[in-house]
Amino acid sequence: MIQTDVLIVGGSLVGLSAAAMLAHHGVNCLSVERHQGTAIHPRAGHFHLRTLEAFRAIGLEEAVRKSSEEQFDPDGGISAVESLAGKEIAQYIANLNAGVEHYSPSRRLFMTQQSLEPLLRDHAQKLGAQLSYNTELIDFSQDNEGVTATVRYLDSGKEDTIRAKYMIAADGNRSPVRHKLGIEMVGHGQLSHSVTIYFKANCSRWLEGRNLGVIYVKNDKLRGFFRMVRSGEAGFLVVNTVGDVSKPQAHNIADIITPELAESLVREGIGDANVNITIEDIARWRAVADVACAFSSNRVFLAGDAAHIMPPTGGFGGNTGVQDMHNLCWKLALVVKGIAAPSLLETYDAERRPVGALTVEQAYTRYVLRIHPERDREGMQPLVDDLNMEIGYLYRSSAIAPVENDHDLVYEDPRAATGRPGSRAPHLLLKRDGKACSVLDLASKNHVLLCASEGEDWRAIMQKLQAELNLPVDVYALNTKSTLADPENQFTTRYAISNSGAVLIRPDGFIAWKATSSDMTQHNALKNALHKTLGRR
């Protein structure tokens, strides 16, 4: 019997992210993947700020950015055209990173999953994660102490038993694990049976001088979008509908696609009858907008497409899965190490499922607006700003201090964020040992208590609490005695606290609690907040 702390079912983008993040936190983990290796198709292409911040936290951001810039322009836009050679219809985002430096230490980028997954794989293995390809999950059961799984090695037919304390199901939109657990999906269901056409064609003349990253195409023949490599000589075309969208068959292109039709559709999307086109591959898939009714069942956790399926409009799918793992892995680490109570893991569903539901709805809204505006809009949610979706979503759970006069919104505008508990810590550039760093860089592995200039007494209080709770907490005071400085004195304003206040930031960069000032009431509240963030009563 193979023993591990966490078994990860699936070794694609989300499964590899889980492996890397668990290993980053010192957790023994094993990922099993039925395919022979990492992705062979580009797939996910638009990576959001929060995803890059998650990669930054585990030391992977620089390698990802370098690889991205070898393939794509770093600041491409998102537009809609009749065809590449035709006129522009709309501009959704003019420049991917315009103004984001005020809100994040990271930058959005375009990258193929085909290029990203090997980086994640190598990084996870470097940190100590175990990965097993050509290995499929056959069955599993769980009890009060852990999960017992049976796997089969596809190259030999041999079977093994794996015993893990917990299991993460990152096994895709059809998720056999979710099916066995009996967890239902709810939402809008299937929107189209689509295709992705991978091709080579020299489109550089139509891209030159235009800041086009994702290029939506809308004409009488097709609706979908292009992603092109930097040279403009290759890319893929996603086709969601063909012809008259009032007819049911228009939304089922995958049922009739042939290489000849694929070439015709690429030609229509380019808008030039004479361009030479080579079709390299055609992938069929279903555009669906659904979310799971639960993200966990005892010791098993759903992540990525197993938990939420959404159309690619907005690029939310893979990003949301990575962020699932950024939320879960530090919690698993504290529980596995015996620092936190198992009840802390209940906050994964409480925090991530509302965000997953919101994201599915926003992907659906963008699908209707950009691909199928004729669709009945009853029940469609209003469009939420991209920055709000990427770094403005909020968490509520037993591990987050309650906020007075709270509301039911699942997000806030990060441009006006003031460090409320349950929000991602607002980005602020500080200096540590004379070098620039973000507040978010402080909380990449441990909890952080960040104190204002007159909050030095928080350090002594935290030392006592750390000894009591056995919880690693890094304490920083922004004053002249510290190696950390706030050169522009923005901390108290940005976080809406006094000079004696403090904030408690979790290892995923979210605020668990804050004190506007230092007094005995607040000191007792900090102790209570630490107990809650450890799942203790």
Protein backbone atom coordinates (compact mmCIF):
# COMPACT_ATOMS: atom_id res chain seq x y z
CA MET A 1 0.00 0.00 0.00
CA ILE A 2 1.31 3.42 -1.02
CA GLN A 3 1.01 6.03 1.73
CA THR A 4 0.67 9.78 1.15
CA ASP A 5 -0.91 12.76 2.87
CA VAL A 6 -2.92 13.98 -0.13
CA LEU A 7 -3.85 12.07 -3.27
CA ILE A 8 -4.56 14.30 -6.29
CA VAL A 9 -6.67 12.76 -9.04
CA GLY A 10 -5.70 14.58 -12.23
CA GLY A 11 -2.37 15.94 -13.42
CA SER A 12 -3.40 18.77 -15.71
CA LEU A 13 -3.37 22.50 -14.89
CA VAL A 14 -5.34 22.32 -11.64
CA GLY A 15 -3.91 19.01 -10.43
CA LEU A 16 -0.35 20.20 -11.05
CA SER A 17 -1.12 23.48 -9.28
CA ALA A 18 -2.37 21.48 -6.30
CA ALA A 19 0.80 19.38 -6.30
CA ALA A 20 3.07 22.42 -6.47
CA MET A 21 1.17 24.33 -3.78
CA LEU A 22 0.95 21.40 -1.39
CA ALA A 23 4.67 20.70 -1.83
CA HIS A 24 5.37 24.41 -1.27
CA HIS A 25 3.68 24.03 2.13
CA GLY A 26 5.63 20.87 2.94
CA VAL A 27 2.85 18.33 2.39
CA ASN A 28 3.51 14.87 0.95
CA CYS A 29 1.31 14.48 -2.11
CA LEU A 30 0.87 12.17 -5.09
CA SER A 31 -0.84 13.11 -8.34
CA VAL A 32 -2.18 10.39 -10.65
CA GLU A 33 -2.94 11.26 -14.27
CA ARG A 34 -4.31 8.85 -16.87
CA HIS A 35 -2.66 10.63 -19.80
CA GLN A 36 0.96 10.01 -20.75
CA GLY A 37 2.11 13.52 -19.90
CA THR A 38 1.22 17.18 -19.84
CA ALA A 39 -1.18 18.94 -22.25
CA ILE A 40 -0.65 18.44 -25.98
CA HIS A 41 -3.01 21.27 -26.99
CA PRO A 42 -2.69 25.00 -26.13
CA ARG A 43 -6.12 25.30 -24.44
CA ALA A 44 -6.24 27.92 -21.63
CA GLY A 45 -4.60 31.10 -22.84
CA HIS A 46 -5.53 34.13 -20.68
CA PHE A 47 -4.16 34.09 -17.13
CA HIS A 48 -5.52 36.55 -14.60
CA LEU A 49 -3.84 38.65 -11.92
CA ARG A 50 -4.87 36.43 -9.02
CA THR A 51 -3.52 33.33 -10.76
CA LEU A 52 -0.16 34.99 -11.36
CA GLU A 53 -0.14 36.10 -7.72
CA ALA A 54 -0.67 32.46 -6.72
CA PHE A 55 2.23 31.36 -8.92
CA ARG A 56 4.29 34.22 -7.47
CA ALA A 57 3.64 32.90 -3.96
CA ILE A 58 5.23 29.53 -4.80
CA GLY A 59 8.16 31.01 -6.74
CA LEU A 60 6.95 30.23 -10.25
CA GLU A 61 5.83 33.60 -11.63
CA GLU A 62 9.14 34.62 -13.21
CA ALA A 63 9.49 31.40 -15.21
CA VAL A 64 5.87 31.62 -16.37
CA ARG A 65 6.28 35.23 -17.51
CA LYS A 66 9.49 34.50 -19.38
CA SER A 67 7.87 31.63 -21.26
CA SER A 68 4.79 33.74 -22.02
CA GLU A 69 6.81 36.57 -23.53
CA GLU A 70 8.54 34.14 -25.87
CA GLN A 71 5.15 33.34 -27.43
CA PHE A 72 2.85 36.34 -27.00
CA ASP A 73 2.83 40.11 -26.63
CA PRO A 74 2.73 40.86 -22.88
CA ASP A 75 -0.02 43.48 -23.06
CA GLY A 76 -2.40 42.30 -25.76
CA GLY A 77 -6.02 43.40 -25.88
CA ILE A 78 -9.36 41.65 -26.29
CA SER A 79 -11.45 42.75 -29.26
CA ALA A 80 -14.18 41.59 -31.63
CA VAL A 81 -13.93 41.69 -35.43
CA GLU A 82 -15.96 40.59 -38.44
CA SER A 83 -12.79 38.81 -39.53
CA LEU A 84 -9.06 39.38 -39.15
CA ALA A 85 -9.04 41.18 -42.49
CA GLY A 86 -12.35 42.92 -41.80
CA LYS A 87 -13.48 45.70 -39.53
CA GLU A 88 -13.36 45.81 -35.73
CA ILE A 89 -16.76 45.51 -34.05
CA ALA A 90 -15.91 46.05 -30.37
CA GLN A 91 -13.03 46.44 -27.95
CA TYR A 92 -13.50 44.74 -24.59
CA ILE A 93 -10.02 45.40 -23.15
CA ALA A 94 -7.64 47.74 -24.99
CA ASN A 95 -4.52 46.74 -23.07
CA LEU A 96 -4.44 43.73 -20.80
CA ASN A 97 -2.34 45.43 -18.12
CA ALA A 98 -3.26 49.11 -18.33
CA GLY A 99 -3.27 50.49 -14.78
CA VAL A 100 -3.00 47.14 -12.98
CA GLU A 101 0.30 48.11 -11.33
CA HIS A 102 -1.73 50.10 -8.78
CA TYR A 103 -3.58 46.97 -7.63
CA SER A 104 -1.21 44.01 -8.05
CA PRO A 105 2.48 43.14 -8.08
CA SER A 106 1.73 40.78 -10.99
CA ARG A 107 0.65 41.29 -14.59
CA ARG A 108 -1.89 39.44 -16.71
CA LEU A 109 -0.48 37.38 -19.55
CA PHE A 110 -1.29 35.02 -22.37
CA MET A 111 0.18 31.53 -22.30
CA THR A 112 -0.71 28.12 -23.63
CA GLN A 113 -1.50 25.32 -21.20
CA GLN A 114 0.84 23.26 -23.35
CA SER A 115 3.73 25.49 -22.21
CA LEU A 116 2.57 26.13 -18.65
CA GLU A 117 2.00 22.56 -17.50
CA PRO A 118 5.63 21.42 -17.94
CA LEU A 119 6.74 24.38 -15.81
CA LEU A 120 4.24 23.44 -13.11
CA ARG A 121 5.26 19.77 -13.32
CA ASP A 122 8.97 20.51 -12.96
CA HIS A 123 8.38 22.98 -10.13
CA ALA A 124 6.13 20.56 -8.25
CA GLN A 125 8.69 17.78 -8.54
CA LYS A 126 11.50 20.12 -7.49
CA LEU A 127 9.52 20.92 -4.34
CA GLY A 128 9.01 17.23 -3.62
CA ALA A 129 5.64 16.29 -5.11
CA GLN A 130 5.22 12.85 -6.69
CA LEU A 131 3.57 12.58 -10.11
CA SER A 132 2.42 9.36 -11.75
CA TYR A 133 1.31 9.50 -15.39
CA ASN A 134 -0.41 6.69 -17.31
CA THR A 135 -2.22 6.01 -14.05
CA GLU A 136 -5.99 6.06 -13.62
CA LEU A 137 -8.20 5.95 -10.57
CA ILE A 138 -10.30 2.79 -10.54
CA ASP A 139 -12.17 3.17 -7.26
CA PHE A 140 -12.00 4.85 -3.87
CA SER A 141 -13.66 4.80 -0.48
CA GLN A 142 -13.31 7.00 2.57
CA ASP A 143 -13.60 6.51 6.31
CA ASN A 144 -13.03 8.58 9.43
CA GLU A 145 -9.25 8.39 9.06
CA GLY A 146 -8.64 8.79 5.34
CA VAL A 147 -9.22 7.73 1.76
CA THR A 148 -8.33 4.37 0.20
CA ALA A 149 -7.95 4.45 -3.59
CA THR A 150 -7.24 1.81 -6.20
CA VAL A 151 -5.27 2.88 -9.26
CA ARG A 152 -4.22 1.08 -12.42
CA TYR A 153 -1.01 1.68 -14.39
CA LEU A 154 -2.17 1.74 -17.99
CA ASP A 155 1.13 0.65 -19.52
CA SER A 156 1.31 -2.57 -17.45
CA GLY A 157 -2.22 -3.19 -16.19
CA LYS A 158 -0.90 -3.51 -12.65
CA GLU A 159 -3.03 -2.16 -9.82
CA ASP A 160 -1.98 -0.49 -6.58
CA THR A 161 -3.72 0.67 -3.43
CA ILE A 162 -3.08 4.19 -2.16
CA ARG A 163 -3.91 5.31 1.35
CA ALA A 164 -4.20 9.08 1.82
CA LYS A 165 -5.49 11.35 4.53
CA TYR A 166 -7.31 13.49 1.95
CA MET A 167 -8.06 13.46 -1.78
CA ILE A 168 -8.42 16.26 -4.32
CA ALA A 169 -10.51 15.52 -7.41
CA ALA A 170 -9.14 17.58 -10.29
CA ASP A 171 -10.42 15.03 -12.78
CA GLY A 172 -12.21 17.28 -15.24
CA ASN A 173 -15.74 18.24 -16.20
CA ARG A 174 -17.02 14.65 -16.37
CA SER A 175 -15.36 13.90 -12.96
CA PRO A 176 -15.92 10.23 -12.07
CA VAL A 177 -15.10 11.19 -8.48
CA ARG A 178 -17.89 13.77 -8.36
CA HIS A 179 -20.26 11.28 -9.96
CA LYS A 180 -19.48 8.61 -7.35
CA LEU A 181 -19.95 11.11 -4.54
CA GLY A 182 -23.40 11.90 -5.95
CA ILE A 183 -22.78 15.64 -6.15
CA GLU A 184 -25.03 17.28 -8.73
CA MET A 185 -24.28 20.18 -11.07
CA VAL A 186 -26.68 23.10 -11.47
CA GLY A 187 -26.72 26.06 -13.84
CA HIS A 188 -27.45 26.81 -17.47
CA GLY A 189 -26.31 23.47 -18.85
CA GLN A 190 -24.88 23.02 -22.33
CA LEU A 191 -24.64 26.13 -24.48
CA SER A 192 -22.99 24.65 -27.55
CA HIS A 193 -21.09 21.63 -28.82
CA SER A 194 -18.02 23.52 -29.98
CA VAL A 195 -14.71 22.87 -31.67
CA THR A 196 -11.18 24.22 -31.42
CA ILE A 197 -9.33 24.18 -34.74
CA TYR A 198 -5.53 24.25 -34.54
CA PHE A 199 -3.99 25.56 -37.73
CA LYS A 200 -1.03 27.17 -39.46
CA ALA A 201 -1.53 30.23 -41.69
CA ASN A 202 0.42 33.43 -42.11
CA CYS A 203 -1.85 36.07 -40.57
CA SER A 204 0.92 38.50 -39.60
CA ARG A 205 -0.18 41.23 -42.03
CA TRP A 206 -3.59 41.51 -40.35
CA LEU A 207 -2.12 41.55 -36.84
CA GLU A 208 0.68 44.05 -37.44
CA GLY A 209 0.22 47.26 -35.46
CA ARG A 210 -2.88 45.94 -33.70
CA ASN A 211 -2.86 45.05 -30.00
CA LEU A 212 -4.87 41.85 -30.37
CA GLY A 213 -4.55 39.06 -27.83
CA VAL A 214 -7.95 37.37 -27.89
CA ILE A 215 -9.82 38.11 -31.11
CA TYR A 216 -13.55 37.37 -31.11
CA VAL A 217 -15.00 36.75 -34.57
CA LYS A 218 -18.63 37.40 -35.40
CA ASN A 219 -20.02 37.15 -38.92
CA ASP A 220 -22.75 35.34 -40.83
CA LYS A 221 -20.70 32.14 -41.09
CA LEU A 222 -19.36 31.66 -37.56
CA ARG A 223 -18.95 32.98 -34.04
CA GLY A 224 -15.97 32.22 -31.86
CA PHE A 225 -12.48 33.57 -31.22
CA PHE A 226 -8.87 33.39 -32.39
CA ARG A 227 -5.69 33.03 -30.36
CA MET A 228 -2.53 33.60 -32.39
CA VAL A 229 1.15 33.20 -31.54
CA ARG A 230 3.31 36.32 -31.59
CA SER A 231 4.57 35.73 -35.16
CA GLY A 232 1.00 35.45 -36.48
CA GLU A 233 1.88 32.26 -38.34
CA ALA A 234 -0.12 29.79 -36.23
CA GLY A 235 -2.90 29.65 -33.67
CA PHE A 236 -6.29 28.21 -32.97
CA LEU A 237 -9.86 29.18 -33.75
CA VAL A 238 -12.64 28.31 -31.33
CA VAL A 239 -15.98 27.95 -33.12
CA ASN A 240 -19.10 28.04 -30.96
CA THR A 241 -21.79 28.55 -33.59
CA VAL A 242 -22.12 28.40 -37.37
CA GLY A 243 -24.69 30.00 -39.65
CA ASP A 244 -28.14 30.99 -38.47
CA VAL A 245 -28.06 30.91 -34.66
CA SER A 246 -31.84 30.63 -34.48
CA LYS A 247 -31.50 27.02 -35.65
CA PRO A 248 -30.51 24.30 -33.13
CA GLN A 249 -27.85 22.81 -35.44
CA ALA A 250 -25.96 26.10 -35.40
CA HIS A 251 -24.83 25.31 -31.85
CA ASN A 252 -23.61 21.79 -32.62
CA ILE A 253 -20.68 22.33 -34.97
CA ALA A 254 -18.77 19.45 -33.33
CA ASP A 255 -21.34 17.01 -34.73
CA ILE A 256 -20.61 17.91 -38.35
CA ILE A 257 -17.01 19.14 -38.37
CA THR A 258 -14.63 17.76 -41.03
CA PRO A 259 -11.12 18.87 -42.02
CA GLU A 260 -12.61 20.53 -45.09
CA LEU A 261 -15.21 22.42 -43.07
CA ALA A 262 -12.55 23.37 -40.53
CA GLU A 263 -10.39 24.92 -43.25
CA SER A 264 -13.41 26.79 -44.60
CA LEU A 265 -14.24 28.17 -41.15
CA VAL A 266 -10.67 29.32 -40.52
CA ARG A 267 -10.70 31.03 -43.93
CA GLU A 268 -13.97 32.78 -43.07
CA GLY A 269 -12.52 33.89 -39.76
CA ILE A 270 -9.41 35.26 -41.43
CA GLY A 271 -11.42 36.90 -44.19
CA ASP A 272 -9.11 36.06 -47.11
CA ALA A 273 -10.04 33.48 -49.74
CA ASN A 274 -6.44 33.01 -50.90
CA VAL A 275 -4.50 32.45 -47.67
CA ASN A 276 -2.78 29.06 -47.36
CA ILE A 277 -4.10 27.08 -44.38
CA THR A 278 -2.90 23.83 -42.82
CA ILE A 279 -5.25 22.19 -40.33
CA GLU A 280 -3.21 20.46 -37.62
CA ASP A 281 -5.91 19.16 -35.29
CA ILE A 282 -9.56 19.52 -34.29
CA ALA A 283 -10.77 19.20 -30.70
CA ARG A 284 -14.45 18.76 -29.87
CA TRP A 285 -15.81 19.99 -26.55
CA ARG A 286 -18.98 21.24 -24.89
CA ALA A 287 -19.51 24.81 -23.67
CA VAL A 288 -21.32 24.39 -20.36
CA ALA A 289 -22.13 26.79 -17.50
CA ASP A 290 -22.69 24.74 -14.32
CA VAL A 291 -21.44 24.63 -10.73
CA ALA A 292 -21.36 21.75 -8.25
CA CYS A 293 -23.85 21.76 -5.38
CA ALA A 294 -20.98 21.00 -3.00
CA PHE A 295 -17.21 21.35 -3.33
CA SER A 296 -16.37 18.70 -0.75
CA SER A 297 -17.60 15.47 0.77
CA ASN A 298 -15.88 14.47 3.99
CA ARG A 299 -12.22 13.97 2.98
CA VAL A 300 -12.62 14.54 -0.76
CA PHE A 301 -12.47 17.98 -2.39
CA LEU A 302 -13.57 18.97 -5.90
CA ALA A 303 -11.47 21.46 -7.84
CA GLY A 304 -11.33 23.03 -11.30
CA ASP A 305 -13.75 21.67 -13.90
CA ALA A 306 -14.86 18.97 -11.46
CA ALA A 307 -16.36 21.77 -9.35
CA HIS A 308 -17.33 24.37 -11.94
CA ILE A 309 -17.67 24.20 -15.73
CA MET A 310 -17.82 27.41 -17.71
CA PRO A 311 -17.45 28.58 -21.29
CA PRO A 312 -14.07 30.16 -22.13
CA THR A 313 -15.51 33.67 -22.53
CA GLY A 314 -13.58 35.72 -19.99
CA GLY A 315 -10.88 33.09 -19.55
CA PHE A 316 -12.15 32.15 -16.09
CA GLY A 317 -12.01 28.35 -16.21
CA GLY A 318 -8.40 27.42 -15.53
CA ASN A 319 -7.83 30.54 -13.46
CA THR A 320 -10.66 29.66 -11.09
CA GLY A 321 -9.27 26.14 -10.64
CA VAL A 322 -5.80 27.42 -9.74
CA GLN A 323 -7.38 29.80 -7.23
CA ASP A 324 -9.36 26.88 -5.73
CA MET A 325 -6.05 25.26 -4.88
CA HIS A 326 -4.52 28.46 -3.57
CA ASN A 327 -7.39 28.52 -1.06
CA LEU A 328 -7.31 24.84 -0.11
CA CYS A 329 -3.65 23.81 0.03
CA TRP A 330 -2.50 25.90 3.00
CA LYS A 331 -5.51 24.66 4.96
CA LEU A 332 -4.67 21.05 4.17
CA ALA A 333 -1.08 21.72 5.22
CA LEU A 334 -2.09 23.05 8.66
CA VAL A 335 -4.53 20.18 9.23
CA VAL A 336 -2.12 17.46 8.07
CA LYS A 337 0.58 18.90 10.36
CA GLY A 338 -1.82 18.87 13.31
CA ILE A 339 -1.77 22.66 13.75
CA ALA A 340 -5.36 23.28 12.62
CA ALA A 341 -8.53 21.34 13.36
CA PRO A 342 -10.12 19.36 10.50
CA SER A 343 -13.12 21.70 10.64
CA LEU A 344 -10.95 24.35 8.94
CA LEU A 345 -11.36 22.33 5.73
CA GLU A 346 -15.10 23.01 5.79
CA THR A 347 -14.29 26.61 4.90
CA TYR A 348 -13.14 25.51 1.42
CA ASP A 349 -16.73 24.95 0.32
CA ALA A 350 -17.99 27.98 2.25
CA GLU A 351 -15.44 30.29 0.62
CA ARG A 352 -14.93 28.90 -2.87
CA ARG A 353 -18.41 27.71 -3.89
CA PRO A 354 -19.98 31.21 -3.92
CA VAL A 355 -17.01 32.47 -5.93
CA GLY A 356 -17.31 29.51 -8.29
CA ALA A 357 -21.02 30.18 -8.79
CA LEU A 358 -20.38 33.88 -9.46
CA THR A 359 -17.65 33.05 -11.95
CA VAL A 360 -19.79 30.56 -13.85
CA GLU A 361 -22.51 33.20 -14.15
CA GLN A 362 -20.04 35.83 -15.37
CA ALA A 363 -18.62 33.46 -17.98
CA TYR A 364 -22.19 32.78 -19.08
CA THR A 365 -23.00 36.51 -19.25
CA ARG A 366 -19.93 37.09 -21.43
CA TYR A 367 -20.91 34.13 -23.62
CA VAL A 368 -24.33 35.62 -24.26
CA LEU A 369 -23.01 39.14 -24.88
CA ARG A 370 -20.05 38.15 -27.06
CA ILE A 371 -21.20 34.96 -28.78
CA HIS A 372 -24.97 34.65 -28.70
CA PRO A 373 -26.69 37.99 -27.92
CA GLU A 374 -29.96 36.64 -29.38
CA ARG A 375 -30.24 34.16 -26.50
CA ASP A 376 -33.02 34.68 -23.94
CA ARG A 377 -31.49 36.79 -21.16
CA GLU A 378 -33.93 35.90 -18.42
CA GLY A 379 -31.89 35.02 -15.32
CA MET A 380 -28.66 36.38 -16.78
CA GLN A 381 -26.61 38.31 -14.22
CA PRO A 382 -25.34 41.82 -15.01
CA LEU A 383 -21.76 42.06 -16.22
CA VAL A 384 -19.19 42.43 -13.42
CA ASP A 385 -15.98 44.34 -14.11
CA ASP A 386 -12.94 42.13 -14.88
CA LEU A 387 -10.77 43.59 -12.08
CA ASN A 388 -13.55 42.97 -9.56
CA MET A 389 -13.76 39.37 -10.72
CA GLU A 390 -10.01 38.75 -10.65
CA ILE A 391 -8.95 40.26 -7.32
CA GLY A 392 -12.12 41.64 -5.76
CA TYR A 393 -13.98 38.46 -4.79
CA LEU A 394 -14.77 38.04 -1.08
CA TYR A 395 -14.77 35.13 1.33
CA ARG A 396 -17.14 34.51 4.23
CA SER A 397 -16.63 31.56 6.55
CA SER A 398 -15.97 30.59 10.15
CA ALA A 399 -12.26 31.33 9.50
CA ILE A 400 -12.94 34.99 8.64
CA ALA A 401 -13.76 37.62 11.26
CA PRO A 402 -17.32 38.93 10.71
CA VAL A 403 -17.78 42.44 9.35
CA GLU A 404 -20.39 44.83 10.74
CA ASN A 405 -23.20 45.81 8.37
CA ASP A 406 -22.07 43.11 5.96
CA HIS A 407 -23.82 42.62 2.66
CA ASP A 408 -24.43 39.66 0.40
CA LEU A 409 -22.10 40.66 -2.44
CA VAL A 410 -19.47 38.09 -3.36
CA TYR A 411 -17.10 40.78 -4.62
CA GLU A 412 -15.99 44.38 -4.10
CA ASP A 413 -14.18 46.94 -6.22
CA PRO A 414 -10.44 46.52 -5.46
CA ARG A 415 -9.89 50.15 -6.49
CA ALA A 416 -11.73 51.17 -3.32
CA ALA A 417 -10.74 48.24 -1.09
CA THR A 418 -9.82 49.08 2.51
CA GLY A 419 -8.71 45.71 3.84
CA ARG A 420 -11.98 44.29 5.10
CA PRO A 421 -11.75 40.75 6.52
CA GLY A 422 -12.54 38.26 3.79
CA SER A 423 -10.93 40.33 1.05
CA ARG A 424 -7.58 39.84 -0.65
CA ALA A 425 -5.04 42.10 1.07
CA PRO A 426 -4.81 45.29 -1.02
CA HIS A 427 -1.51 45.52 -2.89
CA LEU A 428 0.89 48.05 -1.41
CA LEU A 429 4.56 48.45 -2.29
CA LEU A 430 6.81 48.24 0.76
CA LYS A 431 10.56 47.97 1.20
CA ARG A 432 12.09 44.94 2.89
CA ASP A 433 15.81 45.19 3.56
CA GLY A 434 15.87 48.05 1.07
CA LYS A 435 14.21 46.06 -1.74
CA ALA A 436 10.69 46.62 -3.07
CA CYS A 437 8.08 44.01 -2.16
CA SER A 438 4.30 43.81 -2.07
CA VAL A 439 2.21 43.22 1.01
CA LEU A 440 1.14 40.04 -0.78
CA ASP A 441 4.75 38.84 -0.90
CA LEU A 442 4.83 38.70 2.90
CA ALA A 443 2.11 36.04 3.11
CA SER A 444 3.24 33.25 0.81
CA LYS A 445 3.65 30.44 3.35
CA ASN A 446 2.75 31.55 6.89
CA HIS A 447 0.14 33.77 8.45
CA VAL A 448 1.31 37.39 8.75
CA LEU A 449 0.46 39.99 11.34
CA LEU A 450 1.23 43.37 9.78
CA CYS A 451 1.27 46.23 12.26
CA ALA A 452 1.22 49.98 11.73
CA SER A 453 4.01 52.28 12.96
CA GLU A 454 2.81 52.42 16.60
CA GLY A 455 1.71 48.80 16.81
CA GLU A 456 4.93 47.27 18.15
CA ASP A 457 3.16 45.83 21.20
CA TRP A 458 1.32 43.43 18.89
CA ARG A 459 4.61 41.53 18.54
CA ALA A 460 4.73 40.54 22.21
CA ILE A 461 1.06 39.59 22.16
CA MET A 462 1.56 37.41 19.09
CA GLN A 463 4.60 35.67 20.60
CA LYS A 464 2.44 34.48 23.50
CA LEU A 465 -0.34 33.35 21.16
CA GLN A 466 2.07 31.54 18.85
CA ALA A 467 3.43 29.53 21.75
CA GLU A 468 -0.10 28.67 22.81
CA LEU A 469 -1.34 27.71 19.33
CA ASN A 470 1.86 26.34 17.76
CA LEU A 471 1.05 28.42 14.66
CA PRO A 472 3.84 29.97 12.56
CA VAL A 473 3.07 33.71 12.23
CA ASP A 474 5.43 36.27 10.74
CA VAL A 475 5.09 39.62 12.52
CA TYR A 476 6.08 42.89 10.85
CA ALA A 477 5.83 46.41 12.24
CA LEU A 478 6.13 49.28 9.79
CA ASN A 479 8.45 51.49 11.85
CA THR A 480 12.09 52.53 12.03
CA LYS A 481 13.02 49.49 14.16
CA SER A 482 11.88 47.08 11.47
CA THR A 483 13.51 45.77 8.30
CA LEU A 484 10.16 46.47 6.61
CA ALA A 485 9.26 50.04 5.65
CA ASP A 486 6.29 51.87 4.19
CA PRO A 487 8.17 54.63 2.32
CA GLU A 488 5.06 56.56 1.28
CA ASN A 489 3.13 56.02 4.54
CA GLN A 490 0.10 54.54 2.78
CA PHE A 491 -0.58 51.48 4.92
CA THR A 492 -2.98 53.02 7.44
CA THR A 493 -4.94 54.82 4.74
CA ARG A 494 -5.20 51.86 2.38
CA TYR A 495 -6.21 49.49 5.19
CA ALA A 496 -8.39 51.99 7.13
CA ILE A 497 -6.65 51.55 10.48
CA SER A 498 -4.93 53.85 12.97
CA ASN A 499 -1.18 54.02 13.65
CA SER A 500 -1.61 51.38 16.36
CA GLY A 501 -3.73 49.01 14.26
CA ALA A 502 -2.85 45.66 12.66
CA VAL A 503 -4.13 43.14 10.09
CA LEU A 504 -3.90 39.35 10.10
CA ILE A 505 -3.25 37.98 6.61
CA ARG A 506 -3.63 34.29 5.76
CA PRO A 507 -1.11 32.32 3.67
CA ASP A 508 -3.34 32.79 0.62
CA GLY A 509 -3.13 36.59 0.94
CA PHE A 510 -6.67 37.05 2.31
CA ILE A 511 -7.38 39.07 5.44
CA ALA A 512 -8.67 36.99 8.34
CA TRP A 513 -9.05 39.86 10.81
CA LYS A 514 -8.02 43.43 11.44
CA ALA A 515 -7.81 45.82 14.38
CA THR A 516 -8.28 49.50 13.78
CA SER A 517 -6.28 50.24 16.96
CA SER A 518 -4.48 48.54 19.84
CA ASP A 519 -6.45 48.00 23.04
CA MET A 520 -7.32 45.09 25.30
CA THR A 521 -10.59 44.39 23.46
CA GLN A 522 -8.71 44.09 20.20
CA HIS A 523 -6.03 41.91 21.82
CA ASN A 524 -8.69 39.42 22.89
CA ALA A 525 -10.23 39.61 19.42
CA LEU A 526 -6.89 38.62 17.87
CA LYS A 527 -6.76 35.49 20.01
CA ASN A 528 -10.30 34.61 18.95
CA ALA A 529 -9.46 35.26 15.28
CA LEU A 530 -6.43 32.97 15.43
CA HIS A 531 -8.52 30.19 16.94
CA LYS A 532 -11.06 30.62 14.15
CA THR A 533 -8.48 30.61 11.38
CA LEU A 534 -7.32 27.26 12.78
CA GLY A 535 -10.83 25.84 12.81
CA ARG A 536 -10.87 25.78 16.62
CA ARG A 537 -13.83 26.78 18.72
